[in-house]
């Protein structure tokens, strides 16, 4: 069974200012993301107001019974 993965932009990321934009746009906080392999360069994370993020800019979560469980 697959689970939806969610993300929060890390406070030390240059993109953290987008937090309120994600909330205001109804995407939520954390917001849902999808992760795609990009070959030798690693992974691309799509979602949120910015559309595409690097893994190093995000904390990843699953949500179970209304509780956030951080997975990265």
N, C-alpha and C. Protein backbone atom coordinates (compact mmCIF):
# COMPACT_ATOMS: atom_id res chain seq x y z
N UNK A 1 0.84 -1.18 0.00
CA UNK A 1 0.00 0.00 0.00
C UNK A 1 0.89 1.24 0.00
N UNK A 2 0.65 2.14 -0.91
CA UNK A 2 1.44 3.37 -0.96
C UNK A 2 0.79 4.43 -0.08
N UNK A 3 1.61 5.37 0.36
CA UNK A 3 1.12 6.47 1.19
C UNK A 3 1.49 7.78 0.53
N UNK A 4 0.68 8.78 0.75
CA UNK A 4 0.98 10.11 0.26
C UNK A 4 2.15 10.67 1.07
N UNK A 5 3.10 11.25 0.39
CA UNK A 5 4.22 11.91 1.04
C UNK A 5 3.95 13.40 1.06
N UNK A 6 4.30 14.04 2.17
CA UNK A 6 4.12 15.47 2.36
C UNK A 6 5.47 16.10 2.65
N UNK A 7 5.55 17.41 2.46
CA UNK A 7 6.81 18.11 2.70
C UNK A 7 6.56 19.45 3.39
N UNK A 8 7.58 19.85 4.15
CA UNK A 8 7.67 21.21 4.68
C UNK A 8 9.03 21.74 4.23
N UNK A 9 9.06 22.98 3.81
CA UNK A 9 10.32 23.60 3.42
C UNK A 9 11.09 23.91 4.70
N UNK A 10 12.35 23.52 4.73
CA UNK A 10 13.19 23.76 5.91
C UNK A 10 13.38 25.25 6.15
N UNK A 11 13.44 25.62 7.43
CA UNK A 11 13.58 27.03 7.80
C UNK A 11 14.86 27.65 7.25
N UNK A 12 15.90 26.85 7.05
CA UNK A 12 17.16 27.40 6.54
C UNK A 12 17.26 27.39 5.01
N UNK A 13 16.18 26.98 4.34
CA UNK A 13 16.15 26.98 2.88
C UNK A 13 15.85 28.39 2.37
N UNK A 14 16.43 28.72 1.23
CA UNK A 14 16.14 30.00 0.60
C UNK A 14 14.68 30.11 0.18
N UNK A 15 13.96 28.98 0.15
CA UNK A 15 12.58 28.95 -0.29
C UNK A 15 11.59 28.96 0.87
N UNK A 16 12.06 29.03 2.10
CA UNK A 16 11.17 28.94 3.27
C UNK A 16 10.08 30.02 3.25
N UNK A 17 10.36 31.16 2.67
CA UNK A 17 9.37 32.23 2.61
C UNK A 17 8.09 31.81 1.88
N UNK A 18 8.14 30.70 1.15
CA UNK A 18 6.97 30.21 0.43
C UNK A 18 5.98 29.47 1.33
N UNK A 19 6.34 29.28 2.60
CA UNK A 19 5.45 28.58 3.54
C UNK A 19 4.05 29.20 3.53
N UNK A 20 3.97 30.49 3.78
CA UNK A 20 2.66 31.14 3.87
C UNK A 20 1.93 31.09 2.54
N UNK A 21 2.66 31.16 1.43
CA UNK A 21 2.03 31.06 0.11
C UNK A 21 1.36 29.70 -0.07
N UNK A 22 2.01 28.63 0.40
CA UNK A 22 1.42 27.28 0.31
C UNK A 22 0.14 27.21 1.12
N UNK A 23 0.17 27.78 2.32
CA UNK A 23 -1.02 27.77 3.18
C UNK A 23 -2.13 28.60 2.54
N UNK A 24 -1.81 29.81 2.09
CA UNK A 24 -2.81 30.69 1.49
C UNK A 24 -3.42 30.11 0.23
N UNK A 25 -2.66 29.33 -0.52
CA UNK A 25 -3.15 28.73 -1.76
C UNK A 25 -3.95 27.45 -1.51
N UNK A 26 -4.09 27.04 -0.24
CA UNK A 26 -4.87 25.86 0.09
C UNK A 26 -4.13 24.54 -0.09
N UNK A 27 -2.81 24.61 -0.25
CA UNK A 27 -2.01 23.39 -0.42
C UNK A 27 -1.72 22.69 0.89
N UNK A 28 -1.84 23.43 1.98
CA UNK A 28 -1.60 22.87 3.30
C UNK A 28 -0.16 22.99 3.73
N UNK A 29 0.06 22.66 4.99
CA UNK A 29 1.41 22.66 5.58
C UNK A 29 1.46 21.57 6.60
N UNK A 30 2.06 20.44 6.31
CA UNK A 30 2.85 20.14 5.13
C UNK A 30 1.97 20.00 3.88
N UNK A 31 2.60 20.14 2.71
CA UNK A 31 1.88 20.04 1.45
C UNK A 31 2.24 18.72 0.76
N UNK A 32 1.30 18.15 -0.03
CA UNK A 32 1.56 16.88 -0.71
C UNK A 32 2.62 17.04 -1.82
N UNK A 33 3.46 16.03 -1.96
CA UNK A 33 4.50 16.03 -3.00
C UNK A 33 4.57 14.66 -3.67
N UNK A 34 5.21 14.65 -4.82
CA UNK A 34 5.55 13.41 -5.53
C UNK A 34 7.05 13.46 -5.80
N UNK A 35 7.71 12.32 -5.69
CA UNK A 35 9.15 12.25 -5.86
C UNK A 35 9.46 11.41 -7.09
N UNK A 36 10.34 11.95 -7.95
CA UNK A 36 10.70 11.29 -9.20
C UNK A 36 12.22 11.16 -9.29
N UNK A 37 12.71 9.99 -9.72
CA UNK A 37 14.16 9.85 -9.93
C UNK A 37 14.61 10.68 -11.12
N UNK A 38 15.82 11.22 -11.02
CA UNK A 38 16.36 12.02 -12.12
C UNK A 38 17.70 11.49 -12.58
N UNK A 39 17.92 10.21 -12.43
CA UNK A 39 19.19 9.61 -12.86
C UNK A 39 20.30 9.90 -11.88
N UNK A 40 21.45 10.22 -12.40
CA UNK A 40 22.64 10.41 -11.58
C UNK A 40 22.53 11.61 -10.64
N UNK A 41 21.62 12.53 -10.91
CA UNK A 41 21.50 13.75 -10.10
C UNK A 41 20.63 13.56 -8.88
N UNK A 42 19.99 12.42 -8.73
CA UNK A 42 19.19 12.20 -7.53
C UNK A 42 17.71 12.20 -7.82
N UNK A 43 16.97 13.05 -7.09
CA UNK A 43 15.52 13.05 -7.16
C UNK A 43 14.99 14.46 -7.31
N UNK A 44 13.83 14.55 -7.95
CA UNK A 44 13.10 15.80 -8.10
C UNK A 44 11.82 15.67 -7.27
N UNK A 45 11.53 16.67 -6.47
CA UNK A 45 10.33 16.67 -5.64
C UNK A 45 9.38 17.71 -6.19
N UNK A 46 8.20 17.26 -6.62
CA UNK A 46 7.22 18.17 -7.21
C UNK A 46 6.06 18.36 -6.26
N UNK A 47 5.65 19.62 -6.12
CA UNK A 47 4.51 19.98 -5.28
C UNK A 47 4.72 21.36 -4.70
N UNK A 48 3.75 21.82 -3.94
CA UNK A 48 3.87 23.11 -3.30
C UNK A 48 3.78 24.27 -4.26
N UNK A 49 3.90 25.44 -3.74
CA UNK A 49 3.75 26.67 -4.52
C UNK A 49 4.90 26.86 -5.51
N UNK A 50 6.10 26.36 -5.14
CA UNK A 50 7.25 26.51 -6.03
C UNK A 50 7.26 25.51 -7.17
N UNK A 51 6.51 24.43 -7.01
CA UNK A 51 6.38 23.44 -8.07
C UNK A 51 7.43 22.35 -8.07
N UNK A 52 8.68 22.70 -7.74
CA UNK A 52 9.76 21.72 -7.79
C UNK A 52 10.83 22.12 -6.77
N UNK A 53 11.25 21.15 -5.96
CA UNK A 53 12.23 21.42 -4.90
C UNK A 53 13.32 20.35 -4.89
N UNK A 54 14.45 20.71 -4.31
CA UNK A 54 15.51 19.74 -4.05
C UNK A 54 15.23 19.07 -2.71
N UNK A 55 15.61 17.81 -2.59
CA UNK A 55 15.41 17.10 -1.33
C UNK A 55 16.07 17.84 -0.16
N UNK A 56 17.21 18.46 -0.39
CA UNK A 56 17.92 19.11 0.71
C UNK A 56 17.18 20.34 1.25
N UNK A 57 16.17 20.82 0.54
CA UNK A 57 15.38 21.96 1.00
C UNK A 57 14.14 21.56 1.79
N UNK A 58 13.88 20.26 1.91
CA UNK A 58 12.62 19.79 2.48
C UNK A 58 12.80 18.81 3.62
N UNK A 59 11.82 18.79 4.51
CA UNK A 59 11.62 17.69 5.44
C UNK A 59 10.40 16.94 4.91
N UNK A 60 10.49 15.62 4.85
CA UNK A 60 9.41 14.80 4.31
C UNK A 60 8.64 14.10 5.43
N UNK A 61 7.34 13.92 5.20
CA UNK A 61 6.45 13.34 6.20
C UNK A 61 5.45 12.40 5.55
N UNK A 62 4.90 11.50 6.35
CA UNK A 62 3.63 10.87 6.04
C UNK A 62 2.69 11.31 7.16
N UNK A 63 1.41 11.27 6.91
CA UNK A 63 0.43 11.65 7.92
C UNK A 63 -0.41 10.41 8.20
N UNK A 64 -0.41 9.99 9.46
CA UNK A 64 -1.13 8.80 9.88
C UNK A 64 -2.02 9.16 11.05
N UNK A 65 -3.31 8.91 10.92
CA UNK A 65 -4.28 9.23 11.97
C UNK A 65 -4.17 10.68 12.42
N UNK A 66 -3.95 11.58 11.47
CA UNK A 66 -3.87 13.00 11.77
C UNK A 66 -2.56 13.45 12.38
N UNK A 67 -1.59 12.55 12.52
CA UNK A 67 -0.30 12.90 13.10
C UNK A 67 0.78 12.84 12.04
N UNK A 68 1.67 13.84 12.06
CA UNK A 68 2.78 13.88 11.13
C UNK A 68 3.90 12.98 11.63
N UNK A 69 4.41 12.14 10.73
CA UNK A 69 5.57 11.29 11.03
C UNK A 69 6.66 11.66 10.05
N UNK A 70 7.70 12.30 10.57
CA UNK A 70 8.80 12.75 9.70
C UNK A 70 9.60 11.54 9.23
N UNK A 71 9.86 11.48 7.91
CA UNK A 71 10.61 10.36 7.34
C UNK A 71 11.96 10.79 6.77
N UNK A 72 12.24 12.09 6.77
CA UNK A 72 13.57 12.56 6.37
C UNK A 72 13.88 13.86 7.05
